[in-house]
Amino acid sequence: MNNQKIERIRQIVTENKLTYGWLIERLHEDKGIVVQKSGLSHILNEDVISDTGNYVIDRCLEVCEEYAEKYRKKAKK
């Protein structure tokens, strides 16, 4: 299940020319989650499999989907 979520996160980041620095900032600003680049890398590479890792993946996906939805709405205008 996480594989699909992680692939979707990567897809949105890549397609929208975003960075993982952007994602880390959004996690902090929007979700109150503080994560370092190396920590996020370990989570997205599934080097760390834990409840905390799963939580971060879910929040990353929320941030990315929210961005993608806003971008789609702007593109339609």
Protein backbone atom coordinates (compact mmCIF):
# COMPACT_ATOMS: atom_id res chain seq x y z
CA MET A 1 0.00 0.00 0.00
CA ASN A 2 2.77 2.45 0.89
CA ASN A 3 4.48 1.71 -2.43
CA GLN A 4 1.50 3.17 -4.29
CA LYS A 5 1.41 6.21 -2.00
CA ILE A 6 5.13 6.80 -2.38
CA GLU A 7 4.92 6.48 -6.16
CA ARG A 8 2.06 8.99 -6.21
CA ILE A 9 4.07 11.42 -4.06
CA ARG A 10 7.05 11.09 -6.41
CA GLN A 11 4.81 11.50 -9.45
CA ILE A 12 3.26 14.74 -8.19
CA VAL A 13 6.63 16.15 -7.10
CA THR A 14 8.21 15.31 -10.47
CA GLU A 15 5.32 16.35 -12.73
CA ASN A 16 4.99 19.71 -11.00
CA LYS A 17 8.75 20.32 -10.83
CA LEU A 18 8.60 20.55 -7.06
CA THR A 19 11.43 19.66 -4.70
CA TYR A 20 11.59 17.57 -1.59
CA GLY A 21 12.69 20.75 0.18
CA TRP A 22 9.31 22.20 -0.81
CA LEU A 23 7.58 19.10 0.55
CA ILE A 24 9.49 19.33 3.84
CA GLU A 25 8.52 22.98 4.17
CA ARG A 26 4.86 22.22 3.43
CA LEU A 27 4.86 19.38 5.95
CA HIS A 28 6.11 21.81 8.56
CA GLU A 29 3.91 24.77 7.62
CA ASP A 30 0.69 22.92 6.80
CA LYS A 31 0.84 19.80 8.95
CA GLY A 32 3.13 20.75 11.84
CA ILE A 33 5.57 17.95 11.01
CA VAL A 34 9.30 18.55 11.31
CA VAL A 35 11.41 16.17 9.26
CA GLN A 36 14.95 16.45 7.95
CA LYS A 37 15.84 15.70 4.31
CA SER A 38 17.65 12.52 5.27
CA GLY A 39 14.72 11.38 7.39
CA LEU A 40 12.26 11.96 4.56
CA SER A 41 14.57 10.17 2.18
CA HIS A 42 14.72 7.13 4.46
CA ILE A 43 10.94 7.12 4.81
CA LEU A 44 10.27 7.45 1.06
CA ASN A 45 12.83 4.76 0.29
CA GLU A 46 11.14 2.58 2.91
CA ASP A 47 14.40 2.25 4.82
CA VAL A 48 12.29 3.18 7.83
CA ILE A 49 9.07 1.22 8.21
CA SER A 50 7.18 2.34 11.28
CA ASP A 51 3.95 3.91 12.38
CA THR A 52 5.70 7.28 12.30
CA GLY A 53 6.97 6.62 8.78
CA ASN A 54 3.48 5.61 7.66
CA TYR A 55 2.08 8.77 9.23
CA VAL A 56 4.62 10.95 7.39
CA ILE A 57 3.86 9.18 4.09
CA ASP A 58 0.14 9.81 4.56
CA ARG A 59 0.75 13.50 5.33
CA CYS A 60 3.11 13.82 2.33
CA LEU A 61 0.43 12.38 0.11
CA GLU A 62 -2.15 14.81 1.51
CA VAL A 63 0.15 17.77 0.84
CA CYS A 64 0.89 16.60 -2.69
CA GLU A 65 -2.73 15.82 -3.53
CA GLU A 66 -3.83 19.21 -2.17
CA TYR A 67 -1.22 20.90 -4.36
CA ALA A 68 -2.23 18.87 -7.41
CA GLU A 69 -5.91 19.71 -6.87
CA LYS A 70 -5.18 23.45 -6.60
CA TYR A 71 -3.01 23.27 -9.71
CA ARG A 72 -5.76 21.48 -11.67
CA LYS A 73 -8.31 24.12 -10.65
CA LYS A 74 -5.99 26.96 -11.73
CA ALA A 75 -5.29 25.22 -15.04
CA LYS A 76 -9.02 25.02 -15.79
CA LYS A 77 -9.58 28.76 -15.32
